[in-house]
Amino acid sequence: MADQQNPQLSGFIVERMELGVFAVDSSFNIVLWNHFMHTHSGKSWESLKGTNLFASFPELPESWLKRKIEHVFALGNYAFTSWEQRAYLFRFKHNRPITGGVDAMLQNCTFLPLRDAKGKVELVVITLQDCTDNALIQQRLAEAITVSDEERRKQQELIVKLEDAKNQLYQSEKLASIGQLAAGVAHEINNPIGFVNSNLGTLERNVTDLMKLMAVFESKETELPKDTQRELSKIKKEIDFEYLKEDLAALISESKEGLSHVRRIVSDLKDFSRVDQSGWQIADLEKCIDTTLNVVSNEIRYKATVVKEYGHPPLVECVPGQINQVLMNLVVNASQAFPERGQITLRTGEEGMYVWIEVEDNGIGIPPENQQRIFEPFFTTKPVGTGTGLGLSVCYNIIRKHEGDLIVRSEVGKGTCFRILLPIFHGKMGESEEIEFANSAPQ
């Protein structure tokens, strides 16, 4: 009983802590009422001692609270009720109004069985913890999480849109930057190629002179002392001198051939990107095709045989770098249309005031339901992660900006043919404007 406890212990622990503590017997009479309860209820221990809890506080949820206390008496088990299940037991005013948001103290309640010497539950001690501030923080956190989830949902939608826009921009910039890349490669490679080629020429002459000297030396070798001859013979065997003489010439020849191949690659890159020219120019489309095939040869050589059927049409006014990019995209797409190895046929011809190019494959073909959509941005039939669905859309827009047309015909199981139609003359010679081909979609 409270009045039988150590007064010092009771005063220090029960009276001083910021926790409501009261106790009732089995008849619901109050037998303990600490300072916290006094402060917040306005009723003192002296006025409540021995009184019935529900008579003194008729506003309490009598039915629920009686059942809770009776269960503790009957079962002897600890019980707990949080503010989320029941906001409060006693409607105490919240004494920290600066927090805002509520006018009553939110409480966590515990119900503790207090046993006598024989182990029988004699009293039920009830504690009230003021958790208003924490509860408000939790409520605001929950609201913030809800708002955050909604914002996250909106952000995800925006991210998807931004990702689509980024992919489209990336694809267009990637195509547009091929020319700049080729220009940089050509510039950076040309200089070292020049001095390496010069050094190889000098090296070839020097090696030839050395071989002449070695021939004279070998002819006089028998005149040397025997010990010197034996030592020279041993060294020749160690370094395989006869093979070394033959290999030096072969190495120089192969190196010069490799440099010549690099020069051809640089020349093709320059032709592909037209780094020496800009804007609208008069171009030979068949040369554009040849250049593009050289640039992508490594991509298609193991996948397809290339057949050229040139009709030698007239020169065309265009932006050659852009046309090269279209051709590259169509040829690479064609090379990916074969289950195994196939054939890509490139044709050229003239039709009225237009020149046409055809890129045809004998691959798997395009289903009729997809043929109307292949020029839509982001539409792709490739597996996830292997295509952005932007290649044909970009190609279409490049050709439309040239006031031409890009037409497809396809049959499942037989193959696909893309026909590019370009007007021969535009009247834009001398203009250096860029063709913005990524911002418009086919209608």
Protein backbone atom coordinates (compact mmCIF):
# COMPACT_ATOMS: atom_id res chain seq x y z
CA MET A 1 0.00 0.00 0.00
CA ALA A 2 1.23 3.50 -0.79
CA ASP A 3 1.02 4.73 2.83
CA GLN A 4 2.96 1.64 4.03
CA GLN A 5 5.88 2.19 1.63
CA ASN A 6 9.18 3.79 2.50
CA PRO A 7 8.30 7.50 2.51
CA GLN A 8 11.66 8.58 1.09
CA LEU A 9 11.52 6.04 -1.75
CA SER A 10 7.89 6.84 -2.47
CA GLY A 11 8.51 10.58 -2.40
CA PHE A 12 11.55 10.46 -4.63
CA ILE A 13 10.46 7.94 -7.23
CA VAL A 14 6.68 8.14 -7.31
CA GLU A 15 6.13 11.79 -6.54
CA ARG A 16 8.99 13.36 -8.44
CA MET A 17 9.02 11.60 -11.79
CA GLU A 18 7.19 13.01 -14.81
CA LEU A 19 4.88 10.05 -15.02
CA GLY A 20 1.32 9.64 -13.81
CA VAL A 21 0.99 6.82 -11.28
CA PHE A 22 -2.15 5.71 -9.46
CA ALA A 23 -3.43 2.41 -8.12
CA VAL A 24 -6.83 0.83 -7.45
CA ASP A 25 -7.99 -2.20 -5.53
CA SER A 26 -10.41 -4.82 -6.80
CA SER A 27 -13.36 -2.52 -5.99
CA PHE A 28 -11.78 0.25 -8.09
CA ASN A 29 -11.03 2.37 -5.05
CA ILE A 30 -8.04 4.70 -5.36
CA VAL A 31 -5.14 3.71 -3.10
CA LEU A 32 -2.31 5.69 -4.74
CA TRP A 33 -2.27 9.07 -6.48
CA ASN A 34 1.06 10.72 -7.25
CA HIS A 35 2.02 14.35 -7.76
CA PHE A 36 1.79 14.14 -11.58
CA MET A 37 -1.84 12.97 -11.31
CA HIS A 38 -2.58 15.70 -8.78
CA THR A 39 -1.05 18.40 -11.00
CA HIS A 40 -2.90 17.44 -14.16
CA SER A 41 -6.26 16.38 -12.67
CA GLY A 42 -6.46 19.20 -10.14
CA LYS A 43 -7.45 16.67 -7.42
CA SER A 44 -5.19 15.86 -4.51
CA TRP A 45 -4.36 12.49 -2.97
CA GLU A 46 -6.04 13.56 0.25
CA SER A 47 -9.34 14.26 -1.53
CA LEU A 48 -9.26 11.01 -3.53
CA LYS A 49 -7.87 8.48 -1.05
CA GLY A 50 -10.27 5.56 -0.78
CA THR A 51 -12.82 6.98 -3.25
CA ASN A 52 -14.16 5.05 -6.21
CA LEU A 53 -12.22 5.86 -9.37
CA PHE A 54 -15.31 6.10 -11.59
CA ALA A 55 -17.31 8.11 -9.07
CA SER A 56 -14.50 10.64 -8.83
CA PHE A 57 -13.93 10.69 -12.60
CA PRO A 58 -17.22 9.95 -14.40
CA GLU A 59 -15.66 11.07 -17.71
CA LEU A 60 -13.45 7.94 -17.77
CA PRO A 61 -14.33 5.16 -20.28
CA GLU A 62 -15.79 3.04 -17.46
CA SER A 63 -16.77 -0.07 -19.38
CA TRP A 64 -13.46 -0.39 -21.18
CA LEU A 65 -11.29 0.54 -18.18
CA LYS A 66 -13.11 -1.81 -15.78
CA ARG A 67 -12.63 -4.68 -18.22
CA LYS A 68 -8.93 -3.85 -18.57
CA ILE A 69 -8.34 -3.70 -14.81
CA GLU A 70 -10.39 -6.85 -14.12
CA HIS A 71 -8.30 -8.79 -16.67
CA VAL A 72 -5.11 -7.78 -14.88
CA PHE A 73 -6.60 -8.88 -11.54
CA ALA A 74 -7.84 -12.17 -13.01
CA LEU A 75 -4.83 -13.10 -15.14
CA GLY A 76 -2.07 -11.32 -13.25
CA ASN A 77 -0.49 -10.17 -16.49
CA TYR A 78 0.94 -6.83 -17.49
CA ALA A 79 -1.16 -4.85 -20.01
CA PHE A 80 -0.43 -1.88 -22.20
CA THR A 81 -2.44 0.60 -24.27
CA SER A 82 -0.81 3.09 -26.61
CA TRP A 83 -2.13 6.49 -27.63
CA GLU A 84 -2.66 5.11 -31.13
CA GLN A 85 -5.20 2.60 -29.77
CA ARG A 86 -6.82 5.03 -27.30
CA ALA A 87 -5.71 8.66 -27.40
CA TYR A 88 -5.93 9.17 -23.62
CA LEU A 89 -7.33 7.73 -20.39
CA PHE A 90 -7.72 11.03 -18.52
CA ARG A 91 -8.44 14.11 -20.61
CA PHE A 92 -5.59 16.24 -19.31
CA LYS A 93 -4.76 19.49 -21.02
CA HIS A 94 -1.56 19.41 -23.00
CA ASN A 95 0.85 21.54 -21.03
CA ARG A 96 3.20 22.37 -23.93
CA PRO A 97 0.97 24.39 -26.25
CA ILE A 98 3.99 25.58 -28.26
CA THR A 99 4.01 22.15 -29.89
CA GLY A 100 0.52 22.81 -31.21
CA GLY A 101 -1.85 20.45 -32.91
CA VAL A 102 -3.77 18.98 -29.92
CA ASP A 103 -5.57 20.29 -26.84
CA ALA A 104 -5.38 17.08 -24.80
CA MET A 105 -2.45 15.07 -23.56
CA LEU A 106 -1.86 11.90 -25.55
CA GLN A 107 -1.01 9.01 -23.23
CA ASN A 108 0.53 5.59 -23.19
CA CYS A 109 -0.93 3.53 -20.30
CA THR A 110 0.46 0.49 -18.51
CA PHE A 111 -1.43 -1.78 -16.10
CA LEU A 112 0.83 -3.54 -13.62
CA PRO A 113 -0.30 -6.22 -11.16
CA LEU A 114 0.97 -5.71 -7.59
CA ARG A 115 0.95 -8.97 -5.59
CA ASP A 116 0.82 -9.61 -1.86
CA ALA A 117 3.08 -11.99 0.04
CA LYS A 118 1.01 -14.99 -1.14
CA GLY A 119 1.29 -13.98 -4.82
CA LYS A 120 -2.29 -12.83 -5.16
CA VAL A 121 -2.87 -9.66 -7.16
CA GLU A 122 -3.77 -7.10 -4.51
CA LEU A 123 -3.65 -3.88 -6.53
CA VAL A 124 -3.41 -2.76 -10.13
CA VAL A 125 -0.97 0.09 -10.62
CA ILE A 126 -1.68 2.25 -13.65
CA THR A 127 0.88 4.58 -15.19
CA LEU A 128 0.25 7.40 -17.64
CA GLN A 129 3.09 8.56 -19.88
CA ASP A 130 2.74 11.92 -21.61
CA CYS A 131 3.72 11.09 -25.21
CA THR A 132 2.05 14.06 -26.87
CA ASP A 133 5.21 15.53 -28.34
CA ASN A 134 6.40 12.19 -29.66
CA ALA A 135 2.93 11.40 -30.96
CA LEU A 136 2.76 14.73 -32.78
CA ILE A 137 6.17 14.08 -34.28
CA GLN A 138 5.02 10.63 -35.39
CA GLN A 139 1.81 12.04 -36.83
CA ARG A 140 3.69 14.72 -38.71
CA LEU A 141 6.23 12.17 -39.83
CA ALA A 142 3.41 9.94 -41.12
CA GLU A 143 1.89 12.92 -42.92
CA ALA A 144 5.30 13.82 -44.30
CA ILE A 145 5.79 10.21 -45.45
CA THR A 146 2.41 10.31 -47.17
CA VAL A 147 3.31 13.58 -48.86
CA SER A 148 6.76 12.20 -49.63
CA ASP A 149 5.27 9.05 -51.15
CA GLU A 150 3.01 11.16 -53.34
CA GLU A 151 5.93 13.38 -54.31
CA ARG A 152 8.02 10.29 -54.98
CA ARG A 153 5.28 8.92 -57.21
CA LYS A 154 5.17 12.18 -59.12
CA GLN A 155 8.96 12.25 -59.25
CA GLN A 156 9.01 8.71 -60.63
CA GLU A 157 6.61 9.76 -63.36
CA LEU A 158 8.80 12.79 -64.06
CA ILE A 159 11.93 10.65 -64.00
CA VAL A 160 10.41 8.32 -66.59
CA LYS A 161 9.58 11.31 -68.79
CA LEU A 162 13.01 12.82 -68.23
CA GLU A 163 14.64 9.48 -68.96
CA ASP A 164 12.74 9.25 -72.21
CA ALA A 165 13.74 12.80 -73.10
CA LYS A 166 17.32 12.11 -72.05
CA ASN A 167 17.45 8.96 -74.16
CA GLN A 168 16.16 10.83 -77.16
CA LEU A 169 18.59 13.68 -76.59
CA TYR A 170 21.40 11.22 -75.99
CA GLN A 171 20.64 9.37 -79.18
CA SER A 172 20.52 12.55 -81.25
CA GLU A 173 23.67 13.90 -79.62
CA LYS A 174 25.39 10.56 -80.11
CA LEU A 175 24.64 10.62 -83.81
CA ALA A 176 25.50 14.30 -84.11
CA SER A 177 28.78 13.82 -82.22
CA ILE A 178 30.05 11.08 -84.53
CA GLY A 179 31.34 13.73 -86.90
CA GLN A 180 33.10 15.59 -84.09
CA LEU A 181 34.58 12.33 -82.82
CA ALA A 182 35.81 11.42 -86.28
CA ALA A 183 37.32 14.88 -86.67
CA GLY A 184 39.16 14.53 -83.38
CA VAL A 185 40.35 11.02 -84.22
CA ALA A 186 41.53 12.10 -87.66
CA HIS A 187 43.38 15.11 -86.27
CA GLU A 188 44.99 13.22 -83.39
CA ILE A 189 45.99 10.21 -85.49
CA ASN A 190 47.30 12.02 -88.56
CA ASN A 191 50.25 13.64 -86.77
CA PRO A 192 51.63 10.48 -85.08
CA ILE A 193 51.00 8.53 -88.31
CA GLY A 194 53.16 11.07 -90.13
CA PHE A 195 56.19 10.82 -87.91
CA VAL A 196 55.85 7.04 -87.37
CA ASN A 197 55.71 6.56 -91.13
CA SER A 198 58.75 8.83 -91.54
CA ASN A 199 60.61 6.94 -88.80
CA LEU A 200 59.75 3.61 -90.43
CA GLY A 201 61.19 4.88 -93.72
CA THR A 202 64.38 5.95 -91.97
CA LEU A 203 64.48 2.68 -90.04
CA GLU A 204 64.10 0.69 -93.27
CA ARG A 205 67.02 2.53 -94.83
CA ASN A 206 69.14 2.14 -91.70
CA VAL A 207 68.38 -1.57 -91.45
CA THR A 208 69.27 -1.99 -95.13
CA ASP A 209 72.61 -0.24 -94.50
CA LEU A 210 73.24 -2.38 -91.43
CA MET A 211 72.51 -5.52 -93.41
CA LYS A 212 75.07 -4.39 -95.99
CA LEU A 213 77.61 -3.88 -93.22
CA MET A 214 76.77 -7.27 -91.71
CA ALA A 215 77.25 -8.92 -95.11
CA VAL A 216 80.77 -7.47 -95.39
CA PHE A 217 81.47 -8.41 -91.78
CA GLU A 218 80.33 -12.01 -92.39
CA SER A 219 82.59 -12.27 -95.45
CA LYS A 220 85.61 -11.34 -93.29
CA GLU A 221 84.55 -13.41 -90.29
CA THR A 222 86.93 -16.30 -91.18
CA GLU A 223 89.90 -13.94 -90.83
CA LEU A 224 89.14 -13.32 -87.16
CA PRO A 225 90.86 -15.27 -84.36
CA LYS A 226 89.37 -18.71 -83.69
CA ASP A 227 88.21 -17.76 -80.18
CA THR A 228 86.39 -14.71 -81.57
CA GLN A 229 84.77 -16.83 -84.32
CA ARG A 230 83.51 -19.36 -81.76
CA GLU A 231 82.06 -16.61 -79.54
CA LEU A 232 80.35 -14.94 -82.53
CA SER A 233 78.94 -18.28 -83.69
CA LYS A 234 77.53 -18.94 -80.23
CA ILE A 235 75.83 -15.53 -80.09
CA LYS A 236 74.37 -15.99 -83.60
CA LYS A 237 72.76 -19.23 -82.53
CA GLU A 238 71.39 -17.69 -79.36
CA ILE A 239 69.69 -14.83 -81.21
CA ASP A 240 68.84 -16.93 -84.33
CA PHE A 241 70.67 -14.41 -86.51
CA GLU A 242 69.54 -15.80 -89.86
CA TYR A 243 65.86 -15.59 -88.87
CA LEU A 244 66.44 -12.13 -87.38
CA LYS A 245 67.73 -10.80 -90.71
CA GLU A 246 64.64 -12.04 -92.54
CA ASP A 247 62.21 -10.97 -89.80
CA LEU A 248 63.44 -7.37 -89.63
CA ALA A 249 62.48 -6.75 -93.23
CA ALA A 250 59.09 -8.44 -92.73
CA LEU A 251 58.35 -6.46 -89.57
CA ILE A 252 59.06 -3.16 -91.30
CA SER A 253 56.95 -4.13 -94.30
CA GLU A 254 53.99 -5.22 -92.12
CA SER A 255 54.25 -2.04 -90.03
CA LYS A 256 54.12 0.13 -93.16
CA GLU A 257 51.12 -1.85 -94.38
CA GLY A 258 49.39 -1.35 -91.00
CA LEU A 259 50.02 2.39 -91.16
CA SER A 260 48.58 2.47 -94.65
CA HIS A 261 45.43 0.76 -93.31
CA VAL A 262 45.18 3.33 -90.50
CA ARG A 263 45.46 6.12 -93.08
CA ARG A 264 42.55 4.58 -95.00
CA ILE A 265 40.47 4.39 -91.81
CA VAL A 266 41.15 8.05 -91.03
CA SER A 267 40.25 8.98 -94.59
CA ASP A 268 36.98 7.05 -94.30
CA LEU A 269 36.17 8.71 -90.98
CA LYS A 270 36.79 12.14 -92.51
CA ASP A 271 34.56 11.26 -95.46
CA PHE A 272 31.93 9.86 -93.12
CA SER A 273 31.74 12.99 -90.99
CA ARG A 274 32.79 15.52 -93.65
CA VAL A 275 35.05 17.20 -91.10
CA ASP A 276 36.57 19.43 -93.77
CA GLN A 277 33.16 20.78 -94.80
CA SER A 278 29.97 21.89 -93.06
CA GLY A 279 26.38 22.66 -93.88
CA TRP A 280 24.68 21.88 -97.18
CA GLN A 281 26.94 20.47 -99.89
CA ILE A 282 26.82 18.67 -103.19
CA ALA A 283 27.51 15.01 -102.41
CA ASP A 284 27.87 11.67 -104.17
CA LEU A 285 25.49 9.36 -102.30
CA GLU A 286 27.24 6.24 -103.57
CA LYS A 287 30.46 7.51 -102.03
CA CYS A 288 28.52 8.15 -98.81
CA ILE A 289 27.41 4.51 -98.87
CA ASP A 290 30.96 3.23 -99.47
CA THR A 291 32.33 5.37 -96.66
CA THR A 292 29.62 4.26 -94.24
CA LEU A 293 30.20 0.59 -95.10
CA ASN A 294 33.91 1.02 -94.38
CA VAL A 295 33.17 2.61 -91.00
CA VAL A 296 30.72 -0.13 -89.91
CA SER A 297 32.51 -3.03 -91.60
CA ASN A 298 33.47 -4.60 -88.29
CA GLU A 299 29.82 -4.51 -87.20
CA ILE A 300 28.48 -6.34 -90.25
CA ARG A 301 31.31 -8.45 -91.67
CA TYR A 302 30.43 -11.52 -89.55
CA LYS A 303 26.67 -11.09 -89.91
CA ALA A 304 25.97 -10.35 -93.55
CA THR A 305 27.25 -10.30 -97.10
CA VAL A 306 26.98 -6.84 -98.67
CA VAL A 307 25.83 -6.53 -102.28
CA LYS A 308 25.98 -3.18 -104.11
CA GLU A 309 23.66 -2.43 -107.05
CA TYR A 310 24.52 1.14 -107.96
CA GLY A 311 22.57 3.09 -110.59
CA HIS A 312 24.98 6.06 -110.58
CA PRO A 313 22.38 8.81 -109.91
CA PRO A 314 23.32 12.52 -110.05
CA LEU A 315 24.94 14.34 -107.13
CA VAL A 316 22.57 15.57 -104.42
CA GLU A 317 22.46 18.72 -102.33
CA CYS A 318 22.36 17.57 -98.68
CA VAL A 319 24.18 17.52 -95.36
CA PRO A 320 26.42 14.50 -96.03
CA GLY A 321 27.29 13.81 -92.38
CA GLN A 322 23.59 13.50 -91.56
CA ILE A 323 22.92 11.21 -94.52
CA ASN A 324 25.88 9.06 -93.47
CA GLN A 325 24.33 8.69 -90.02
CA VAL A 326 21.02 7.57 -91.54
CA LEU A 327 22.80 5.03 -93.73
CA MET A 328 24.82 3.76 -90.78
CA ASN A 329 21.68 3.26 -88.71
CA LEU A 330 19.83 1.44 -91.49
CA VAL A 331 22.78 -0.81 -92.33
CA VAL A 332 23.43 -1.74 -88.68
CA ASN A 333 19.70 -2.41 -88.17
CA ALA A 334 19.70 -4.62 -91.24
CA SER A 335 22.68 -6.58 -89.90
CA GLN A 336 20.69 -7.31 -86.74
CA ALA A 337 17.71 -8.75 -88.66
CA PHE A 338 19.25 -12.17 -89.28
CA PRO A 339 18.89 -15.23 -87.04
CA GLU A 340 22.20 -16.35 -88.53
CA ARG A 341 24.03 -14.88 -91.55
CA GLY A 342 22.20 -12.95 -94.26
CA GLN A 343 22.55 -10.54 -97.15
CA ILE A 344 22.28 -6.74 -97.24
CA THR A 345 21.70 -5.15 -100.65
CA LEU A 346 22.29 -1.46 -101.27
CA ARG A 347 20.83 0.12 -104.39
CA THR A 348 20.79 3.62 -105.82
CA GLY A 349 18.79 5.22 -108.59
CA GLU A 350 17.05 8.33 -109.91
CA GLU A 351 13.32 9.04 -109.98
CA GLY A 352 12.26 12.38 -111.44
CA MET A 353 13.67 15.16 -109.27
CA TYR A 354 14.65 12.67 -106.59
CA VAL A 355 17.53 10.29 -105.95
CA TRP A 356 16.76 7.13 -104.00
CA ILE A 357 18.77 4.71 -101.90
CA GLU A 358 17.50 1.30 -100.82
CA VAL A 359 18.84 -0.75 -97.90
CA GLU A 360 17.34 -4.23 -98.12
CA ASP A 361 17.89 -7.34 -96.02
CA ASN A 362 16.58 -10.89 -96.27
CA GLY A 363 16.05 -11.17 -92.52
CA ILE A 364 13.02 -11.96 -90.37
CA GLY A 365 10.91 -9.02 -91.56
CA ILE A 366 8.58 -6.70 -89.64
CA PRO A 367 5.01 -7.74 -88.72
CA PRO A 368 2.31 -5.58 -90.41
CA GLU A 369 1.02 -4.26 -87.06
CA ASN A 370 4.49 -2.84 -86.28
CA GLN A 371 5.22 -1.29 -89.67
CA GLN A 372 3.05 1.73 -88.89
CA ARG A 373 4.88 2.34 -85.61
CA ILE A 374 8.55 1.78 -86.35
CA PHE A 375 9.21 5.51 -86.83
CA GLU A 376 7.60 6.42 -83.48
CA PRO A 377 10.06 7.60 -80.81
CA PHE A 378 10.92 4.85 -78.28
CA PHE A 379 9.07 2.12 -80.19
CA THR A 380 11.28 -0.95 -80.47
CA THR A 381 10.82 -4.67 -80.98
CA LYS A 382 14.26 -5.44 -79.60
CA PRO A 383 14.63 -7.08 -76.16
CA VAL A 384 14.69 -4.78 -73.12
CA GLY A 385 18.09 -3.16 -72.71
CA THR A 386 19.22 -3.67 -76.34
CA GLY A 387 17.47 -0.79 -78.08
CA THR A 388 16.18 2.69 -77.27
CA GLY A 389 13.63 2.82 -80.07
CA LEU A 390 15.11 6.11 -81.28
CA GLY A 391 17.24 5.07 -84.27
CA LEU A 392 14.53 4.95 -86.95
CA SER A 393 12.75 7.97 -85.47
CA VAL A 394 15.96 10.00 -85.78
CA CYS A 395 16.52 8.71 -89.31
CA TYR A 396 12.98 9.64 -90.31
CA ASN A 397 13.36 13.16 -88.99
CA ILE A 398 16.71 13.67 -90.70
CA ILE A 399 15.20 12.70 -94.05
CA ARG A 400 12.09 14.84 -93.46
CA LYS A 401 14.34 17.81 -92.68
CA HIS A 402 15.91 17.18 -96.08
CA GLU A 403 12.40 17.43 -97.55
CA GLY A 404 12.62 13.77 -98.51
CA ASP A 405 10.89 10.61 -97.40
CA LEU A 406 11.77 7.32 -95.72
CA ILE A 407 9.56 4.42 -96.81
CA VAL A 408 9.52 0.85 -95.53
CA ARG A 409 8.19 -2.31 -97.07
CA SER A 410 8.54 -5.64 -95.32
CA GLU A 411 7.26 -9.18 -95.32
CA VAL A 412 7.62 -11.51 -92.37
CA GLY A 413 10.10 -14.28 -93.11
CA LYS A 414 11.38 -12.64 -96.32
CA GLY A 415 13.01 -9.38 -95.23
CA THR A 416 12.74 -5.61 -95.11
CA CYS A 417 13.60 -2.76 -97.47
CA PHE A 418 14.01 0.89 -96.49
CA ARG A 419 13.91 3.40 -99.34
CA ILE A 420 15.35 6.90 -98.87
CA LEU A 421 14.03 9.57 -101.26
CA LEU A 422 16.04 12.80 -101.43
CA PRO A 423 15.39 15.82 -103.68
CA ILE A 424 18.35 16.56 -105.91
CA PHE A 425 18.32 20.30 -105.28
CA HIS A 426 17.36 22.42 -102.23
CA GLY A 427 18.83 25.84 -102.94
CA LYS A 428 20.54 25.84 -99.54
CA MET A 429 24.15 25.74 -100.65
CA GLY A 430 26.41 27.79 -98.40
CA GLU A 431 24.14 27.55 -95.39
CA SER A 432 25.82 26.15 -92.27
CA GLU A 433 22.74 25.69 -90.14
CA GLU A 434 22.41 22.49 -88.14
CA ILE A 435 19.53 20.14 -88.89
CA GLU A 436 17.63 19.62 -85.66
CA PHE A 437 16.35 16.15 -86.30
CA ALA A 438 15.57 14.91 -82.80
CA ASN A 439 12.79 17.26 -81.81
CA SER A 440 10.06 16.33 -84.24
CA ALA A 441 8.26 13.04 -84.64
CA PRO A 442 6.56 11.60 -87.70
CA GLN A 443 2.95 12.58 -88.09
